[in-house]
Amino acid sequence: MQLIKTDAHGNDFLIVAAHDVPAGTDLPALARRVCDRASGRGADGLLIVEETPAGARMQLRNADGSYSEVSGNGVRCIGAWLAQQRHLVVGAVLRIDTDAGAKELALTAIDGRRCTFRASMGVPTLIERLCLDVSGEAVDLVTLNIGNPQCVVLGPATEDRLQRLGSRLAVHKHFPQGTNVELVEVHSPTDLRILIWERGVGPTESSGTGTCASAVAAAAFGGAARVCDVTAPGGTQHVEWLDEGVWLTGWAEVVEECAI
């Protein structure tokens, strides 16, 4: 089985063509095998991709084999692979169909294998501020959906706080399907710093949907602007929360081809 290793701001994925996956394959087991960083190729998730004339259709399995509706960084990784395969130029537009709807990618820059895309991420829904009990600690947070469930905690973004809150909130009973978790510091209205605990993965260097959710929550309840830069350990992405939805700009690249 041929795999394509890709990366977007430190959030890495393995791409496999859908036609290379035998019928009846146990996808959770396959994802766990290939994403394992000790015995497999290592990645945050496995993208099963079927090319279409407009772009591609994707399925996503997290590193632990669990299902996810979409990945904002993952769709750009597919975009970077397609750009290389199809010899696309700046200005090209791709459509990536996901279980959270179609995502439009506009190719805005190319630097070697690294491609920058402005991606439509949809309209955030179910935005709510609440307080949850987390192992006896009352935690104020914001929940929303941006194609997948998100839980944003405004305040200090420290590693020890991420380990304490992220691990518990991701599987909290309030979220029956689990949730991604972000800790968000608003340094200025246009400058956010975040740490991420991704559902089915754990701490990650970056998350596209998590970056969008952080910006939305901070704009709604933390004094941030609706257009801002969001910096995670893997780098900075640009978010625009406009009337028609959220747009995310960042890079992705093909790292290598490999096989199992």
C-alpha atoms as a PDB file:
ATOM      1  CA  MET A   1       0.000   0.000   0.000  1.00  0.00           C
ATOM      2  CA  GLN A   2       1.429   3.358  -1.080  1.00  0.00           C
ATOM      3  CA  LEU A   3       1.185   6.225   1.393  1.00  0.00           C
ATOM      4  CA  ILE A   4       1.893   9.935   1.039  1.00  0.00           C
ATOM      5  CA  LYS A   5       3.261  11.642   4.151  1.00  0.00           C
ATOM      6  CA  THR A   6       2.051  15.252   4.405  1.00  0.00           C
ATOM      7  CA  ASP A   7       2.349  18.061   6.911  1.00  0.00           C
ATOM      8  CA  ALA A   8       0.527  21.302   7.728  1.00  0.00           C
ATOM      9  CA  HIS A   9       2.101  23.418  10.458  1.00  0.00           C
ATOM     10  CA  GLY A  10       3.318  20.287  12.250  1.00  0.00           C
ATOM     11  CA  ASN A  11      -0.049  18.507  11.990  1.00  0.00           C
ATOM     12  CA  ASP A  12       0.889  15.478   9.900  1.00  0.00           C
ATOM     13  CA  PHE A  13      -1.235  13.044   7.914  1.00  0.00           C
ATOM     14  CA  LEU A  14      -0.819   9.952   5.783  1.00  0.00           C
ATOM     15  CA  ILE A  15      -2.785   9.928   2.531  1.00  0.00           C
ATOM     16  CA  VAL A  16      -3.831   6.685   0.864  1.00  0.00           C
ATOM     17  CA  ALA A  17      -5.791   6.458  -2.377  1.00  0.00           C
ATOM     18  CA  ALA A  18      -9.212   4.908  -1.756  1.00  0.00           C
ATOM     19  CA  HIS A  19      -8.741   2.451  -4.637  1.00  0.00           C
ATOM     20  CA  ASP A  20      -5.634   1.056  -2.914  1.00  0.00           C
ATOM     21  CA  VAL A  21      -7.616   0.101   0.208  1.00  0.00           C
ATOM     22  CA  PRO A  22      -9.081  -3.410  -0.223  1.00  0.00           C
ATOM     23  CA  ALA A  23     -12.822  -3.790   0.314  1.00  0.00           C
ATOM     24  CA  GLY A  24     -13.606  -4.838   3.867  1.00  0.00           C
ATOM     25  CA  THR A  25     -10.429  -3.312   5.325  1.00  0.00           C
ATOM     26  CA  ASP A  26     -10.693  -2.537   9.042  1.00  0.00           C
ATOM     27  CA  LEU A  27     -10.033   1.212   8.743  1.00  0.00           C
ATOM     28  CA  PRO A  28      -9.613   1.873  12.487  1.00  0.00           C
ATOM     29  CA  ALA A  29      -7.005  -0.897  12.712  1.00  0.00           C
ATOM     30  CA  LEU A  30      -5.250   0.354   9.568  1.00  0.00           C
ATOM     31  CA  ALA A  31      -5.091   3.891  10.944  1.00  0.00           C
ATOM     32  CA  ARG A  32      -3.695   2.726  14.270  1.00  0.00           C
ATOM     33  CA  ARG A  33      -1.053   0.650  12.493  1.00  0.00           C
ATOM     34  CA  VAL A  34       0.229   3.236  10.034  1.00  0.00           C
ATOM     35  CA  CYS A  35      -0.083   6.256  12.382  1.00  0.00           C
ATOM     36  CA  ASP A  36       1.821   4.649  15.255  1.00  0.00           C
ATOM     37  CA  ARG A  37       5.010   6.675  15.740  1.00  0.00           C
ATOM     38  CA  ALA A  38       6.968   3.716  17.117  1.00  0.00           C
ATOM     39  CA  SER A  39       6.025   0.872  14.771  1.00  0.00           C
ATOM     40  CA  GLY A  40       4.308   2.609  11.825  1.00  0.00           C
ATOM     41  CA  ARG A  41       5.039   5.608   9.621  1.00  0.00           C
ATOM     42  CA  GLY A  42       3.728   7.993  12.252  1.00  0.00           C
ATOM     43  CA  ALA A  43       1.015  10.615  11.825  1.00  0.00           C
ATOM     44  CA  ASP A  44      -1.864  12.390  13.533  1.00  0.00           C
ATOM     45  CA  GLY A  45      -4.331  10.786  11.147  1.00  0.00           C
ATOM     46  CA  LEU A  46      -5.015   8.727   8.019  1.00  0.00           C
ATOM     47  CA  LEU A  47      -6.774  10.346   5.049  1.00  0.00           C
ATOM     48  CA  ILE A  48      -8.501   7.965   2.638  1.00  0.00           C
ATOM     49  CA  VAL A  49      -8.818   9.974  -0.574  1.00  0.00           C
ATOM     50  CA  GLU A  50     -10.799   9.454  -3.765  1.00  0.00           C
ATOM     51  CA  GLU A  51      -9.913  11.909  -6.517  1.00  0.00           C
ATOM     52  CA  THR A  52     -12.689  13.789  -8.339  1.00  0.00           C
ATOM     53  CA  PRO A  53     -12.523  16.166 -11.300  1.00  0.00           C
ATOM     54  CA  ALA A  54     -12.962  19.147  -8.945  1.00  0.00           C
ATOM     55  CA  GLY A  55     -10.587  17.843  -6.286  1.00  0.00           C
ATOM     56  CA  ALA A  56     -11.205  14.897  -3.985  1.00  0.00           C
ATOM     57  CA  ARG A  57     -13.468  13.157  -1.523  1.00  0.00           C
ATOM     58  CA  MET A  58     -11.924  12.317   1.880  1.00  0.00           C
ATOM     59  CA  GLN A  59     -12.488  10.097   4.891  1.00  0.00           C
ATOM     60  CA  LEU A  60     -10.512  10.714   8.078  1.00  0.00           C
ATOM     61  CA  ARG A  61      -9.420   8.358  10.812  1.00  0.00           C
ATOM     62  CA  ASN A  62      -7.534   9.732  13.797  1.00  0.00           C
ATOM     63  CA  ALA A  63      -4.326   8.147  15.038  1.00  0.00           C
ATOM     64  CA  ASP A  64      -6.275   6.025  17.527  1.00  0.00           C
ATOM     65  CA  GLY A  65      -8.555   4.768  14.741  1.00  0.00           C
ATOM     66  CA  SER A  66     -11.548   6.880  15.727  1.00  0.00           C
ATOM     67  CA  TYR A  67     -13.691   8.709  13.178  1.00  0.00           C
ATOM     68  CA  SER A  68     -13.541  12.431  12.490  1.00  0.00           C
ATOM     69  CA  GLU A  69     -15.769  14.471  10.220  1.00  0.00           C
ATOM     70  CA  VAL A  70     -13.111  16.823   8.859  1.00  0.00           C
ATOM     71  CA  SER A  71      -9.651  18.289   9.417  1.00  0.00           C
ATOM     72  CA  GLY A  72      -8.880  21.842   8.376  1.00  0.00           C
ATOM     73  CA  ASN A  73      -5.197  21.041   8.045  1.00  0.00           C
ATOM     74  CA  GLY A  74      -5.964  17.675   6.452  1.00  0.00           C
ATOM     75  CA  VAL A  75      -7.942  19.188   3.579  1.00  0.00           C
ATOM     76  CA  ARG A  76      -4.970  21.449   2.806  1.00  0.00           C
ATOM     77  CA  CYS A  77      -2.644  18.431   2.901  1.00  0.00           C
ATOM     78  CA  ILE A  78      -4.833  16.820   0.257  1.00  0.00           C
ATOM     79  CA  GLY A  79      -4.706  20.116  -1.637  1.00  0.00           C
ATOM     80  CA  ALA A  80      -0.905  20.144  -1.575  1.00  0.00           C
ATOM     81  CA  TRP A  81      -0.797  16.560  -2.868  1.00  0.00           C
ATOM     82  CA  LEU A  82      -3.258  17.342  -5.666  1.00  0.00           C
ATOM     83  CA  ALA A  83      -1.348  20.511  -6.561  1.00  0.00           C
ATOM     84  CA  GLN A  84       1.790  18.420  -7.007  1.00  0.00           C
ATOM     85  CA  GLN A  85      -0.004  15.651  -8.919  1.00  0.00           C
ATOM     86  CA  ARG A  86      -1.858  18.019 -11.235  1.00  0.00           C
ATOM     87  CA  HIS A  87       0.871  20.670 -11.597  1.00  0.00           C
ATOM     88  CA  LEU A  88      -1.480  23.390 -10.383  1.00  0.00           C
ATOM     89  CA  VAL A  89      -0.536  27.066 -10.414  1.00  0.00           C
ATOM     90  CA  VAL A  90      -1.425  29.950  -8.115  1.00  0.00           C
ATOM     91  CA  GLY A  91      -5.076  30.826  -8.543  1.00  0.00           C
ATOM     92  CA  ALA A  92      -6.261  27.228  -8.888  1.00  0.00           C
ATOM     93  CA  VAL A  93      -9.323  26.228  -6.872  1.00  0.00           C
ATOM     94  CA  LEU A  94     -10.030  22.759  -5.470  1.00  0.00           C
ATOM     95  CA  ARG A  95     -13.094  21.262  -3.837  1.00  0.00           C
ATOM     96  CA  ILE A  96     -12.544  18.734  -1.064  1.00  0.00           C
ATOM     97  CA  ASP A  97     -15.735  16.873  -0.123  1.00  0.00           C
ATOM     98  CA  THR A  98     -15.855  15.871   3.542  1.00  0.00           C
ATOM     99  CA  ASP A  99     -18.437  14.482   5.940  1.00  0.00           C
ATOM    100  CA  ALA A 100     -18.776  18.079   7.176  1.00  0.00           C
ATOM    101  CA  GLY A 101     -19.549  19.410   3.705  1.00  0.00           C
ATOM    102  CA  ALA A 102     -17.469  20.650   0.787  1.00  0.00           C
ATOM    103  CA  LYS A 103     -14.394  22.789   1.510  1.00  0.00           C
ATOM    104  CA  GLU A 104     -13.127  25.118  -1.206  1.00  0.00           C
ATOM    105  CA  LEU A 105      -9.360  25.672  -1.370  1.00  0.00           C
ATOM    106  CA  ALA A 106      -7.842  28.586  -3.278  1.00  0.00           C
ATOM    107  CA  LEU A 107      -4.130  28.148  -3.988  1.00  0.00           C
ATOM    108  CA  THR A 108      -2.460  31.447  -3.099  1.00  0.00           C
ATOM    109  CA  ALA A 109       1.273  30.633  -3.073  1.00  0.00           C
ATOM    110  CA  ILE A 110       3.740  27.850  -3.966  1.00  0.00           C
ATOM    111  CA  ASP A 111       7.226  27.468  -2.489  1.00  0.00           C
ATOM    112  CA  GLY A 112       8.721  24.160  -3.598  1.00  0.00           C
ATOM    113  CA  ARG A 113       6.476  21.436  -2.182  1.00  0.00           C
ATOM    114  CA  ARG A 114       4.835  23.876   0.228  1.00  0.00           C
ATOM    115  CA  CYS A 115       1.481  25.264  -0.896  1.00  0.00           C
ATOM    116  CA  THR A 116      -0.532  27.959   0.828  1.00  0.00           C
ATOM    117  CA  PHE A 117      -4.315  27.772   0.587  1.00  0.00           C
ATOM    118  CA  ARG A 118      -7.208  29.958   1.703  1.00  0.00           C
ATOM    119  CA  ALA A 119      -9.857  27.426   2.693  1.00  0.00           C
ATOM    120  CA  SER A 120     -13.578  27.800   3.328  1.00  0.00           C
ATOM    121  CA  MET A 121     -14.335  26.122   6.651  1.00  0.00           C
ATOM    122  CA  GLY A 122     -18.083  26.734   6.886  1.00  0.00           C
ATOM    123  CA  VAL A 123     -20.337  28.546   9.326  1.00  0.00           C
ATOM    124  CA  PRO A 124     -19.691  27.944  13.032  1.00  0.00           C
ATOM    125  CA  THR A 125     -22.754  26.656  14.869  1.00  0.00           C
ATOM    126  CA  LEU A 126     -23.941  25.826  18.383  1.00  0.00           C
ATOM    127  CA  ILE A 127     -21.779  28.566  19.922  1.00  0.00           C
ATOM    128  CA  GLU A 128     -22.382  28.472  23.669  1.00  0.00           C
ATOM    129  CA  ARG A 129     -20.632  29.675  26.802  1.00  0.00           C
ATOM    130  CA  LEU A 130     -20.951  27.434  29.857  1.00  0.00           C
ATOM    131  CA  CYS A 131     -19.218  26.113  32.956  1.00  0.00           C
ATOM    132  CA  LEU A 132     -18.365  22.435  33.390  1.00  0.00           C
ATOM    133  CA  ASP A 133     -17.129  20.480  36.366  1.00  0.00           C
ATOM    134  CA  VAL A 134     -13.818  18.876  35.414  1.00  0.00           C
ATOM    135  CA  SER A 135     -12.681  16.502  38.148  1.00  0.00           C
ATOM    136  CA  GLY A 136     -13.932  18.929  40.800  1.00  0.00           C
ATOM    137  CA  GLU A 137     -12.676  22.090  39.051  1.00  0.00           C
ATOM    138  CA  ALA A 138     -15.213  24.560  37.645  1.00  0.00           C
ATOM    139  CA  VAL A 139     -14.056  25.499  34.135  1.00  0.00           C
ATOM    140  CA  ASP A 140     -15.577  28.317  32.071  1.00  0.00           C
ATOM    141  CA  LEU A 141     -15.455  27.460  28.382  1.00  0.00           C
ATOM    142  CA  VAL A 142     -16.985  27.955  24.958  1.00  0.00           C
ATOM    143  CA  THR A 143     -18.365  25.106  22.894  1.00  0.00           C
ATOM    144  CA  LEU A 144     -19.131  25.194  19.179  1.00  0.00           C
ATOM    145  CA  ASN A 145     -19.082  23.160  16.004  1.00  0.00           C
ATOM    146  CA  ILE A 146     -16.986  24.014  12.936  1.00  0.00           C
ATOM    147  CA  GLY A 147     -17.541  20.739  11.116  1.00  0.00           C
ATOM    148  CA  ASN A 148     -16.479  18.869  14.225  1.00  0.00           C
ATOM    149  CA  PRO A 149     -17.011  19.501  17.968  1.00  0.00           C
ATOM    150  CA  GLN A 150     -14.792  22.044  19.690  1.00  0.00           C
ATOM    151  CA  CYS A 151     -14.257  23.129  23.298  1.00  0.00           C
ATOM    152  CA  VAL A 152     -12.323  26.375  23.838  1.00  0.00           C
ATOM    153  CA  VAL A 153     -10.972  27.533  27.188  1.00  0.00           C
ATOM    154  CA  LEU A 154      -9.986  31.199  27.264  1.00  0.00           C
ATOM    155  CA  GLY A 155      -7.099  32.046  29.581  1.00  0.00           C
ATOM    156  CA  PRO A 156      -3.532  30.857  30.193  1.00  0.00           C
ATOM    157  CA  ALA A 157      -2.281  28.459  27.526  1.00  0.00           C
ATOM    158  CA  THR A 158       0.293  26.425  29.448  1.00  0.00           C
ATOM    159  CA  GLU A 159       1.424  22.845  28.952  1.00  0.00           C
ATOM    160  CA  ASP A 160       0.477  21.724  32.453  1.00  0.00           C
ATOM    161  CA  ARG A 161      -3.000  23.244  32.039  1.00  0.00           C
ATOM    162  CA  LEU A 162      -3.371  21.505  28.678  1.00  0.00           C
ATOM    163  CA  GLN A 163      -2.453  18.151  30.202  1.00  0.00           C
ATOM    164  CA  ARG A 164      -4.842  18.679  33.113  1.00  0.00           C
ATOM    165  CA  LEU A 165      -7.842  20.065  31.236  1.00  0.00           C
ATOM    166  CA  GLY A 166      -7.373  18.858  27.661  1.00  0.00           C
ATOM    167  CA  SER A 167      -7.177  15.182  28.513  1.00  0.00           C
ATOM    168  CA  ARG A 168     -10.319  15.362  30.663  1.00  0.00           C
ATOM    169  CA  LEU A 169     -12.440  17.677  28.532  1.00  0.00           C
ATOM    170  CA  ALA A 170     -11.796  15.654  25.355  1.00  0.00           C
ATOM    171  CA  VAL A 171     -13.714  12.724  26.883  1.00  0.00           C
ATOM    172  CA  HIS A 172     -16.022  14.657  29.228  1.00  0.00           C
ATOM    173  CA  LYS A 173     -19.557  13.270  29.508  1.00  0.00           C
ATOM    174  CA  HIS A 174     -20.880  16.588  28.151  1.00  0.00           C
ATOM    175  CA  PHE A 175     -19.413  15.578  24.767  1.00  0.00           C
ATOM    176  CA  PRO A 176     -20.844  12.148  23.853  1.00  0.00           C
ATOM    177  CA  GLN A 177     -18.810  12.044  20.606  1.00  0.00           C
ATOM    178  CA  GLY A 178     -15.691  13.495  22.243  1.00  0.00           C
ATOM    179  CA  THR A 179     -14.316  16.929  21.409  1.00  0.00           C
ATOM    180  CA  ASN A 180     -11.233  18.816  20.366  1.00  0.00           C
ATOM    181  CA  VAL A 181      -9.932  21.153  23.067  1.00  0.00           C
ATOM    182  CA  GLU A 182      -8.051  24.451  22.718  1.00  0.00           C
ATOM    183  CA  LEU A 183      -6.543  26.731  25.345  1.00  0.00           C
ATOM    184  CA  VAL A 184      -6.510  30.304  24.027  1.00  0.00           C
ATOM    185  CA  GLU A 185      -4.634  33.414  25.139  1.00  0.00           C
ATOM    186  CA  VAL A 186      -5.705  36.710  23.557  1.00  0.00           C
ATOM    187  CA  HIS A 187      -2.470  38.700  23.310  1.00  0.00           C
ATOM    188  CA  SER A 188      -4.164  41.441  21.281  1.00  0.00           C
ATOM    189  CA  PRO A 189      -7.363  41.638  19.223  1.00  0.00           C
ATOM    190  CA  THR A 190      -5.485  40.293  16.191  1.00  0.00           C
ATOM    191  CA  ASP A 191      -2.970  37.985  17.912  1.00  0.00           C
ATOM    192  CA  LEU A 192      -4.030  34.723  19.596  1.00  0.00           C
ATOM    193  CA  ARG A 193      -1.810  31.973  21.051  1.00  0.00           C
ATOM    194  CA  ILE A 194      -3.204  28.467  21.454  1.00  0.00           C
ATOM    195  CA  LEU A 195      -2.425  24.953  22.638  1.00  0.00           C
ATOM    196  CA  ILE A 196      -4.391  21.986  21.304  1.00  0.00           C
ATOM    197  CA  TRP A 197      -5.590  18.625  22.570  1.00  0.00           C
ATOM    198  CA  GLU A 198      -7.059  16.863  19.547  1.00  0.00           C
ATOM    199  CA  ARG A 199      -9.784  14.256  19.856  1.00  0.00           C
ATOM    200  CA  GLY A 200      -8.358  10.834  19.110  1.00  0.00           C
ATOM    201  CA  VAL A 201      -4.767  12.108  19.019  1.00  0.00           C
ATOM    202  CA  GLY A 202      -3.805  14.114  22.107  1.00  0.00           C
ATOM    203  CA  PRO A 203      -1.530  17.190  22.045  1.00  0.00           C
ATOM    204  CA  THR A 204      -0.862  18.334  18.475  1.00  0.00           C
ATOM    205  CA  GLU A 205       1.339  21.001  16.960  1.00  0.00           C
ATOM    206  CA  SER A 206      -1.594  22.478  15.062  1.00  0.00           C
ATOM    207  CA  SER A 207      -5.255  21.999  14.157  1.00  0.00           C
ATOM    208  CA  GLY A 208      -7.110  23.748  11.374  1.00  0.00           C
ATOM    209  CA  THR A 209     -10.601  23.438  12.839  1.00  0.00           C
ATOM    210  CA  GLY A 210      -9.182  24.114  16.309  1.00  0.00           C
ATOM    211  CA  THR A 211      -7.557  27.297  15.030  1.00  0.00           C
ATOM    212  CA  CYS A 212     -10.893  28.419  13.553  1.00  0.00           C
ATOM    213  CA  ALA A 213     -12.796  27.538  16.742  1.00  0.00           C
ATOM    214  CA  SER A 214     -10.275  29.438  18.866  1.00  0.00           C
ATOM    215  CA  ALA A 215     -10.705  32.553  16.745  1.00  0.00           C
ATOM    216  CA  VAL A 216     -14.509  32.340  16.836  1.00  0.00           C
ATOM    217  CA  ALA A 217     -14.652  31.827  20.609  1.00  0.00           C
ATOM    218  CA  ALA A 218     -12.148  34.607  21.251  1.00  0.00           C
ATOM    219  CA  ALA A 219     -14.064  36.996  18.981  1.00  0.00           C
ATOM    220  CA  ALA A 220     -17.399  36.115  20.577  1.00  0.00           C
ATOM    221  CA  PHE A 221     -16.297  36.210  24.216  1.00  0.00           C
ATOM    222  CA  GLY A 222     -12.631  37.237  24.549  1.00  0.00           C
ATOM    223  CA  GLY A 223     -12.308  40.638  22.878  1.00  0.00           C
ATOM    224  CA  ALA A 224     -10.569  39.393  19.712  1.00  0.00           C
ATOM    225  CA  ALA A 225     -11.233  40.751  16.241  1.00  0.00           C
ATOM    226  CA  ARG A 226     -13.075  38.619  13.695  1.00  0.00           C
ATOM    227  CA  VAL A 227      -9.968  38.683  11.484  1.00  0.00           C
ATOM    228  CA  CYS A 228      -6.824  37.605  13.324  1.00  0.00           C
ATOM    229  CA  ASP A 229      -3.665  35.507  13.384  1.00  0.00           C
ATOM    230  CA  VAL A 230      -3.668  32.373  15.526  1.00  0.00           C
ATOM    231  CA  THR A 231      -0.335  30.884  16.592  1.00  0.00           C
ATOM    232  CA  ALA A 232       0.001  27.267  17.714  1.00  0.00           C
ATOM    233  CA  PRO A 233       3.289  25.441  18.428  1.00  0.00           C
ATOM    234  CA  GLY A 234       3.459  24.542  14.710  1.00  0.00           C
ATOM    235  CA  GLY A 235       3.135  28.105  13.463  1.00  0.00           C
ATOM    236  CA  THR A 236       0.685  30.874  12.619  1.00  0.00           C
ATOM    237  CA  GLN A 237      -2.488  30.629  10.542  1.00  0.00           C
ATOM    238  CA  HIS A 238      -4.812  33.443   9.481  1.00  0.00           C
ATOM    239  CA  VAL A 239      -8.538  33.317  10.272  1.00  0.00           C
ATOM    240  CA  GLU A 240     -11.337  35.428   8.837  1.00  0.00           C
ATOM    241  CA  TRP A 241     -14.790  35.091  10.408  1.00  0.00           C
ATOM    242  CA  LEU A 242     -16.993  36.704   7.776  1.00  0.00           C
ATOM    243  CA  ASP A 243     -20.758  36.796   7.267  1.00  0.00           C
ATOM    244  CA  GLU A 244     -20.607  33.814   4.889  1.00  0.00           C
ATOM    245  CA  GLY A 245     -18.452  31.717   7.206  1.00  0.00           C
ATOM    246  CA  VAL A 246     -14.902  31.136   8.389  1.00  0.00           C
ATOM    247  CA  TRP A 247     -11.865  31.172   6.104  1.00  0.00           C
ATOM    248  CA  LEU A 248      -8.518  29.694   7.120  1.00  0.00           C
ATOM    249  CA  THR A 249      -5.192  30.446   5.429  1.00  0.00           C
ATOM    250  CA  GLY A 250      -2.100  28.336   6.028  1.00  0.00           C
ATOM    251  CA  TRP A 251       0.399  26.074   4.315  1.00  0.00           C
ATOM    252  CA  ALA A 252       0.671  22.357   3.693  1.00  0.00           C
ATOM    253  CA  GLU A 253       3.285  20.234   1.980  1.00  0.00           C
ATOM    254  CA  VAL A 254       4.054  16.759   0.709  1.00  0.00           C
ATOM    255  CA  VAL A 255       6.903  15.305   2.749  1.00  0.00           C
ATOM    256  CA  GLU A 256       7.552  11.901   1.163  1.00  0.00           C
ATOM    257  CA  GLU A 257       6.099   8.834  -0.476  1.00  0.00           C
ATOM    258  CA  CYS A 258       6.323   5.621   1.511  1.00  0.00           C
ATOM    259  CA  ALA A 259       4.859   2.128   1.583  1.00  0.00           C
ATOM    260  CA  ILE A 260       3.647  -0.493   4.013  1.00  0.00           C
END
